[in-house]
Amino acid sequence: MTSAVDASPAHLAILPSTTKRGRDIAARLGLTESSTLGALLHHCGGILVDHGRLRILAAGSGSLPDVLTASRSRRGVLVVGHDAFGGRFAIDAGGLGVGHGQVCYFGPDTLHWRGTGMSHGAFVRWAIDGGSESFYASWRWRGWEQEIGALRLNQALSTQPPLFSREGRNISLTRRKPVPFDKLVAFLEESAHPRAGS
């Protein structure tokens, strides 16, 4: 893992964590350091990729949650990553019906979960190897690095119009502002599943 991080073409930041917290979570999940997630839980709070555009979750660090805290609102799902737009990466543990053990992505542009075809280890390697560059290619604008880099780790960018609307497809033309990550997720979930009668 260390050699892959050192050789990464992406802009990475490894976040510190409380070792005890990470070990406790790994024990609760039945993971050892031989697995990618177990190793991350034992050794770091998370990994920021491309100025924090993608945040790989582990034991938590500061305002970045650990994987269990990030997953508390949904059964059968282990959230292992966030992005700066309100998107989430999660391991399907039976709650998504995509494929057990597969990392899935909930996109703020599609409002549904879809499989990535990757295990968690492959997902982390993909991110470290620069895979998110093409994944987020349509969500770039002049100065995006500074705008995203200025976000706190419990924030995301809310766009107006939203990314799932036809008018919001070109993110460079939207009005963007930092909002609490959980607030944006709640908005996206409600937009995906409108209340009856609304």
C-alpha atoms as a PDB file:
ATOM      1  CA  MET A   1       0.000   0.000   0.000  1.00  0.00           C
ATOM      2  CA  THR A   2       2.778   2.448   0.928  1.00  0.00           C
ATOM      3  CA  SER A   3       4.552   1.957  -2.410  1.00  0.00           C
ATOM      4  CA  ALA A   4       1.269   2.453  -4.291  1.00  0.00           C
ATOM      5  CA  VAL A   5       0.636   5.706  -2.415  1.00  0.00           C
ATOM      6  CA  ASP A   6       4.177   6.916  -3.121  1.00  0.00           C
ATOM      7  CA  ALA A   7       3.779   6.159  -6.836  1.00  0.00           C
ATOM      8  CA  SER A   8       0.272   7.625  -7.135  1.00  0.00           C
ATOM      9  CA  PRO A   9      -0.395  10.202  -9.874  1.00  0.00           C
ATOM     10  CA  ALA A  10      -3.237  11.593  -7.734  1.00  0.00           C
ATOM     11  CA  HIS A  11      -2.957  14.306  -5.102  1.00  0.00           C
ATOM     12  CA  LEU A  12      -3.262  12.267  -1.874  1.00  0.00           C
ATOM     13  CA  ALA A  13      -3.368  13.089   1.822  1.00  0.00           C
ATOM     14  CA  ILE A  14      -3.285  10.323   4.446  1.00  0.00           C
ATOM     15  CA  LEU A  15      -5.243  11.360   7.547  1.00  0.00           C
ATOM     16  CA  PRO A  16      -4.159  10.311  11.048  1.00  0.00           C
ATOM     17  CA  SER A  17      -6.476   8.502  13.431  1.00  0.00           C
ATOM     18  CA  THR A  18      -6.692   7.054  16.899  1.00  0.00           C
ATOM     19  CA  THR A  19      -5.235   3.596  16.513  1.00  0.00           C
ATOM     20  CA  LYS A  20      -7.525   2.183  19.221  1.00  0.00           C
ATOM     21  CA  ARG A  21     -10.671   3.390  17.424  1.00  0.00           C
ATOM     22  CA  GLY A  22      -9.567   1.791  14.173  1.00  0.00           C
ATOM     23  CA  ARG A  23      -8.690  -1.495  15.860  1.00  0.00           C
ATOM     24  CA  ASP A  24     -12.031  -1.546  17.667  1.00  0.00           C
ATOM     25  CA  ILE A  25     -13.910  -1.061  14.392  1.00  0.00           C
ATOM     26  CA  ALA A  26     -11.826  -3.712  12.634  1.00  0.00           C
ATOM     27  CA  ALA A  27     -12.592  -6.155  15.451  1.00  0.00           C
ATOM     28  CA  ARG A  28     -16.323  -5.408  15.252  1.00  0.00           C
ATOM     29  CA  LEU A  29     -16.244  -6.061  11.507  1.00  0.00           C
ATOM     30  CA  GLY A  30     -14.097  -9.186  11.908  1.00  0.00           C
ATOM     31  CA  LEU A  31     -11.263  -7.754   9.826  1.00  0.00           C
ATOM     32  CA  THR A  32      -7.522  -8.237  10.112  1.00  0.00           C
ATOM     33  CA  GLU A  33      -4.715  -6.181   8.616  1.00  0.00           C
ATOM     34  CA  SER A  34      -4.494  -8.675   5.772  1.00  0.00           C
ATOM     35  CA  SER A  35      -7.539  -7.038   4.165  1.00  0.00           C
ATOM     36  CA  THR A  36      -7.381  -3.565   2.638  1.00  0.00           C
ATOM     37  CA  LEU A  37     -10.114  -2.188   4.883  1.00  0.00           C
ATOM     38  CA  GLY A  38      -8.584  -3.811   7.954  1.00  0.00           C
ATOM     39  CA  ALA A  39      -5.194  -2.286   7.137  1.00  0.00           C
ATOM     40  CA  LEU A  40      -6.734   1.157   6.623  1.00  0.00           C
ATOM     41  CA  LEU A  41      -8.640   0.921   9.904  1.00  0.00           C
ATOM     42  CA  HIS A  42      -5.470   0.010  11.787  1.00  0.00           C
ATOM     43  CA  HIS A  43      -3.294   2.696  10.241  1.00  0.00           C
ATOM     44  CA  CYS A  44      -5.245   5.767   9.121  1.00  0.00           C
ATOM     45  CA  GLY A  45      -8.321   7.905   9.551  1.00  0.00           C
ATOM     46  CA  GLY A  46      -8.954   8.113   5.833  1.00  0.00           C
ATOM     47  CA  ILE A  47      -7.412   9.119   2.520  1.00  0.00           C
ATOM     48  CA  LEU A  48      -8.181  12.326   0.649  1.00  0.00           C
ATOM     49  CA  VAL A  49      -7.863  11.965  -3.116  1.00  0.00           C
ATOM     50  CA  ASP A  50      -7.556  14.914  -5.510  1.00  0.00           C
ATOM     51  CA  HIS A  51      -7.767  17.701  -2.921  1.00  0.00           C
ATOM     52  CA  GLY A  52     -10.609  15.909  -1.140  1.00  0.00           C
ATOM     53  CA  ARG A  53     -12.821  15.425  -4.184  1.00  0.00           C
ATOM     54  CA  LEU A  54     -12.927  11.776  -3.061  1.00  0.00           C
ATOM     55  CA  ARG A  55     -12.615  10.839   0.618  1.00  0.00           C
ATOM     56  CA  ILE A  56     -11.861   7.208   1.375  1.00  0.00           C
ATOM     57  CA  LEU A  57     -13.163   6.394   4.842  1.00  0.00           C
ATOM     58  CA  ALA A  58     -11.422   4.324   7.505  1.00  0.00           C
ATOM     59  CA  ALA A  59     -11.124   4.960  11.261  1.00  0.00           C
ATOM     60  CA  GLY A  60     -12.234   8.598  11.034  1.00  0.00           C
ATOM     61  CA  SER A  61     -10.229  11.762  11.509  1.00  0.00           C
ATOM     62  CA  GLY A  62     -11.478  15.090  12.818  1.00  0.00           C
ATOM     63  CA  SER A  63     -14.787  15.829  11.094  1.00  0.00           C
ATOM     64  CA  LEU A  64     -14.406  12.897   8.672  1.00  0.00           C
ATOM     65  CA  PRO A  65     -16.498   9.989  10.021  1.00  0.00           C
ATOM     66  CA  ASP A  66     -15.379   6.402  10.419  1.00  0.00           C
ATOM     67  CA  VAL A  67     -16.973   3.700   8.291  1.00  0.00           C
ATOM     68  CA  LEU A  68     -19.442   2.596  10.993  1.00  0.00           C
ATOM     69  CA  THR A  69     -20.659   6.116  11.776  1.00  0.00           C
ATOM     70  CA  ALA A  70     -21.073   6.842   8.056  1.00  0.00           C
ATOM     71  CA  SER A  71     -23.133   3.648   7.646  1.00  0.00           C
ATOM     72  CA  ARG A  72     -25.472   3.964  10.612  1.00  0.00           C
ATOM     73  CA  SER A  73     -28.529   5.106   8.646  1.00  0.00           C
ATOM     74  CA  ARG A  74     -28.781   2.062   6.363  1.00  0.00           C
ATOM     75  CA  ARG A  75     -28.682  -1.672   7.076  1.00  0.00           C
ATOM     76  CA  GLY A  76     -26.730  -4.061   4.903  1.00  0.00           C
ATOM     77  CA  VAL A  77     -24.463  -1.286   3.624  1.00  0.00           C
ATOM     78  CA  LEU A  78     -20.954  -0.266   4.682  1.00  0.00           C
ATOM     79  CA  VAL A  79     -20.113   3.233   3.455  1.00  0.00           C
ATOM     80  CA  VAL A  80     -16.416   3.387   2.565  1.00  0.00           C
ATOM     81  CA  GLY A  81     -16.172   6.679   0.682  1.00  0.00           C
ATOM     82  CA  HIS A  82     -17.690  10.122   0.156  1.00  0.00           C
ATOM     83  CA  ASP A  83     -17.151  12.694  -2.506  1.00  0.00           C
ATOM     84  CA  ALA A  84     -17.349  16.464  -2.506  1.00  0.00           C
ATOM     85  CA  PHE A  85     -20.677  16.410  -4.373  1.00  0.00           C
ATOM     86  CA  GLY A  86     -22.699  14.273  -1.952  1.00  0.00           C
ATOM     87  CA  GLY A  87     -21.953  10.962  -3.652  1.00  0.00           C
ATOM     88  CA  ARG A  88     -21.220   7.845  -1.589  1.00  0.00           C
ATOM     89  CA  PHE A  89     -19.303   4.634  -2.170  1.00  0.00           C
ATOM     90  CA  ALA A  90     -20.462   1.623  -0.166  1.00  0.00           C
ATOM     91  CA  ILE A  91     -19.879  -2.108   0.071  1.00  0.00           C
ATOM     92  CA  ASP A  92     -23.087  -4.008  -0.606  1.00  0.00           C
ATOM     93  CA  ALA A  93     -23.560  -6.242   2.429  1.00  0.00           C
ATOM     94  CA  GLY A  94     -27.029  -7.327   1.303  1.00  0.00           C
ATOM     95  CA  GLY A  95     -28.782  -3.969   1.590  1.00  0.00           C
ATOM     96  CA  LEU A  96     -28.442  -2.823  -2.013  1.00  0.00           C
ATOM     97  CA  GLY A  97     -29.116  -6.017  -3.960  1.00  0.00           C
ATOM     98  CA  VAL A  98     -26.333  -5.268  -6.450  1.00  0.00           C
ATOM     99  CA  GLY A  99     -23.746  -7.877  -5.500  1.00  0.00           C
ATOM    100  CA  HIS A 100     -22.529  -8.966  -2.081  1.00  0.00           C
ATOM    101  CA  GLY A 101     -19.104  -7.488  -1.371  1.00  0.00           C
ATOM    102  CA  GLN A 102     -19.173  -5.186  -4.380  1.00  0.00           C
ATOM    103  CA  VAL A 103     -18.493  -1.469  -3.983  1.00  0.00           C
ATOM    104  CA  CYS A 104     -21.440   0.561  -5.283  1.00  0.00           C
ATOM    105  CA  TYR A 105     -21.849   4.278  -5.939  1.00  0.00           C
ATOM    106  CA  PHE A 106     -24.793   6.549  -5.193  1.00  0.00           C
ATOM    107  CA  GLY A 107     -24.444   9.454  -7.598  1.00  0.00           C
ATOM    108  CA  PRO A 108     -25.846  12.941  -7.010  1.00  0.00           C
ATOM    109  CA  ASP A 109     -26.557  13.054 -10.743  1.00  0.00           C
ATOM    110  CA  THR A 110     -28.396   9.713 -11.017  1.00  0.00           C
ATOM    111  CA  LEU A 111     -29.957   9.402  -7.528  1.00  0.00           C
ATOM    112  CA  HIS A 112     -29.516   5.648  -7.433  1.00  0.00           C
ATOM    113  CA  TRP A 113     -26.956   3.033  -6.425  1.00  0.00           C
ATOM    114  CA  ARG A 114     -25.024   1.256  -9.145  1.00  0.00           C
ATOM    115  CA  GLY A 115     -22.308  -1.340  -8.982  1.00  0.00           C
ATOM    116  CA  THR A 116     -18.727  -0.449  -9.832  1.00  0.00           C
ATOM    117  CA  GLY A 117     -17.652  -4.051 -10.391  1.00  0.00           C
ATOM    118  CA  MET A 118     -14.888  -3.571  -7.806  1.00  0.00           C
ATOM    119  CA  SER A 119     -14.134  -5.118  -4.450  1.00  0.00           C
ATOM    120  CA  HIS A 120     -13.064  -2.734  -1.691  1.00  0.00           C
ATOM    121  CA  GLY A 121      -9.384  -3.493  -2.276  1.00  0.00           C
ATOM    122  CA  ALA A 122      -9.769  -2.820  -6.003  1.00  0.00           C
ATOM    123  CA  PHE A 123     -11.677   0.393  -5.256  1.00  0.00           C
ATOM    124  CA  VAL A 124      -8.887   1.743  -3.047  1.00  0.00           C
ATOM    125  CA  ARG A 125      -6.251   0.770  -5.603  1.00  0.00           C
ATOM    126  CA  TRP A 126      -8.336   2.400  -8.385  1.00  0.00           C
ATOM    127  CA  ALA A 127      -8.519   5.641  -6.415  1.00  0.00           C
ATOM    128  CA  ILE A 128      -4.821   5.648  -5.545  1.00  0.00           C
ATOM    129  CA  ASP A 129      -3.901   4.878  -9.155  1.00  0.00           C
ATOM    130  CA  GLY A 130      -5.783   7.981 -10.366  1.00  0.00           C
ATOM    131  CA  GLY A 131      -9.058   6.381 -11.462  1.00  0.00           C
ATOM    132  CA  SER A 132     -11.150   9.180 -10.022  1.00  0.00           C
ATOM    133  CA  GLU A 133      -9.672  11.627 -12.543  1.00  0.00           C
ATOM    134  CA  SER A 134     -11.751  10.182 -15.388  1.00  0.00           C
ATOM    135  CA  PHE A 135     -14.660   9.260 -13.078  1.00  0.00           C
ATOM    136  CA  TYR A 136     -15.182  12.936 -12.174  1.00  0.00           C
ATOM    137  CA  ALA A 137     -14.097  14.332 -15.553  1.00  0.00           C
ATOM    138  CA  SER A 138     -17.442  16.062 -16.179  1.00  0.00           C
ATOM    139  CA  TRP A 139     -17.429  17.719 -12.736  1.00  0.00           C
ATOM    140  CA  ARG A 140     -14.521  20.075 -13.209  1.00  0.00           C
ATOM    141  CA  TRP A 141     -14.449  23.823 -13.659  1.00  0.00           C
ATOM    142  CA  ARG A 142     -11.835  26.525 -13.507  1.00  0.00           C
ATOM    143  CA  GLY A 143     -10.520  26.611  -9.939  1.00  0.00           C
ATOM    144  CA  TRP A 144     -12.226  23.392  -8.759  1.00  0.00           C
ATOM    145  CA  GLU A 145      -9.133  22.322  -6.825  1.00  0.00           C
ATOM    146  CA  GLN A 146      -9.208  25.420  -4.623  1.00  0.00           C
ATOM    147  CA  GLU A 147     -12.991  25.342  -4.180  1.00  0.00           C
ATOM    148  CA  ILE A 148     -13.059  21.688  -3.162  1.00  0.00           C
ATOM    149  CA  GLY A 149      -9.856  21.951  -1.148  1.00  0.00           C
ATOM    150  CA  ALA A 150     -11.439  24.690   0.978  1.00  0.00           C
ATOM    151  CA  LEU A 151     -14.274  22.395   2.112  1.00  0.00           C
ATOM    152  CA  ARG A 152     -14.261  20.987   5.628  1.00  0.00           C
ATOM    153  CA  LEU A 153     -14.344  17.200   5.730  1.00  0.00           C
ATOM    154  CA  ASN A 154     -17.987  17.189   6.879  1.00  0.00           C
ATOM    155  CA  GLN A 155     -19.033  19.421   3.993  1.00  0.00           C
ATOM    156  CA  ALA A 156     -19.924  18.974   0.325  1.00  0.00           C
ATOM    157  CA  LEU A 157     -20.813  21.313  -2.517  1.00  0.00           C
ATOM    158  CA  SER A 158     -24.500  21.903  -3.079  1.00  0.00           C
ATOM    159  CA  THR A 159     -25.228  23.046  -6.629  1.00  0.00           C
ATOM    160  CA  GLN A 160     -28.126  25.071  -7.900  1.00  0.00           C
ATOM    161  CA  PRO A 161     -29.593  23.738 -10.121  1.00  0.00           C
ATOM    162  CA  PRO A 162     -28.847  20.253  -8.673  1.00  0.00           C
ATOM    163  CA  LEU A 163     -26.636  17.864 -10.612  1.00  0.00           C
ATOM    164  CA  PHE A 164     -29.533  15.467 -11.236  1.00  0.00           C
ATOM    165  CA  SER A 165     -31.491  18.122 -13.149  1.00  0.00           C
ATOM    166  CA  ARG A 166     -31.106  18.787 -16.851  1.00  0.00           C
ATOM    167  CA  GLU A 167     -30.080  22.375 -16.094  1.00  0.00           C
ATOM    168  CA  GLY A 168     -27.428  21.198 -13.626  1.00  0.00           C
ATOM    169  CA  ARG A 169     -25.535  18.902 -15.954  1.00  0.00           C
ATOM    170  CA  ASN A 170     -22.854  21.512 -16.646  1.00  0.00           C
ATOM    171  CA  ILE A 171     -21.437  22.034 -13.160  1.00  0.00           C
ATOM    172  CA  SER A 172     -19.411  25.058 -14.236  1.00  0.00           C
ATOM    173  CA  LEU A 173     -22.680  26.939 -14.846  1.00  0.00           C
ATOM    174  CA  THR A 174     -24.206  26.101 -11.458  1.00  0.00           C
ATOM    175  CA  ARG A 175     -24.132  28.164  -8.281  1.00  0.00           C
ATOM    176  CA  ARG A 176     -22.143  26.193  -5.718  1.00  0.00           C
ATOM    177  CA  LYS A 177     -21.961  26.561  -1.961  1.00  0.00           C
ATOM    178  CA  PRO A 178     -20.593  24.474   0.929  1.00  0.00           C
ATOM    179  CA  VAL A 179     -23.244  22.706   3.018  1.00  0.00           C
ATOM    180  CA  PRO A 180     -23.073  19.977   5.685  1.00  0.00           C
ATOM    181  CA  PHE A 181     -22.466  16.646   3.948  1.00  0.00           C
ATOM    182  CA  ASP A 182     -25.305  14.923   5.838  1.00  0.00           C
ATOM    183  CA  LYS A 183     -27.739  17.677   4.854  1.00  0.00           C
ATOM    184  CA  LEU A 184     -26.903  17.253   1.164  1.00  0.00           C
ATOM    185  CA  VAL A 185     -27.232  13.463   1.444  1.00  0.00           C
ATOM    186  CA  ALA A 186     -30.677  13.857   3.037  1.00  0.00           C
ATOM    187  CA  PHE A 187     -31.736  16.156   0.183  1.00  0.00           C
ATOM    188  CA  LEU A 188     -30.494  13.695  -2.445  1.00  0.00           C
ATOM    189  CA  GLU A 189     -32.234  10.764  -0.724  1.00  0.00           C
ATOM    190  CA  GLU A 190     -35.497  12.679  -0.524  1.00  0.00           C
ATOM    191  CA  SER A 191     -35.162  13.677  -4.185  1.00  0.00           C
ATOM    192  CA  ALA A 192     -34.615  10.025  -5.081  1.00  0.00           C
ATOM    193  CA  HIS A 193     -37.661   8.920  -3.068  1.00  0.00           C
ATOM    194  CA  PRO A 194     -40.194  11.784  -2.970  1.00  0.00           C
ATOM    195  CA  ARG A 195     -42.688  11.637  -0.123  1.00  0.00           C
ATOM    196  CA  ALA A 196     -46.121  10.318  -1.009  1.00  0.00           C
ATOM    197  CA  GLY A 197     -48.479  13.112  -1.864  1.00  0.00           C
ATOM    198  CA  SER A 198     -45.756  15.725  -2.261  1.00  0.00           C
END
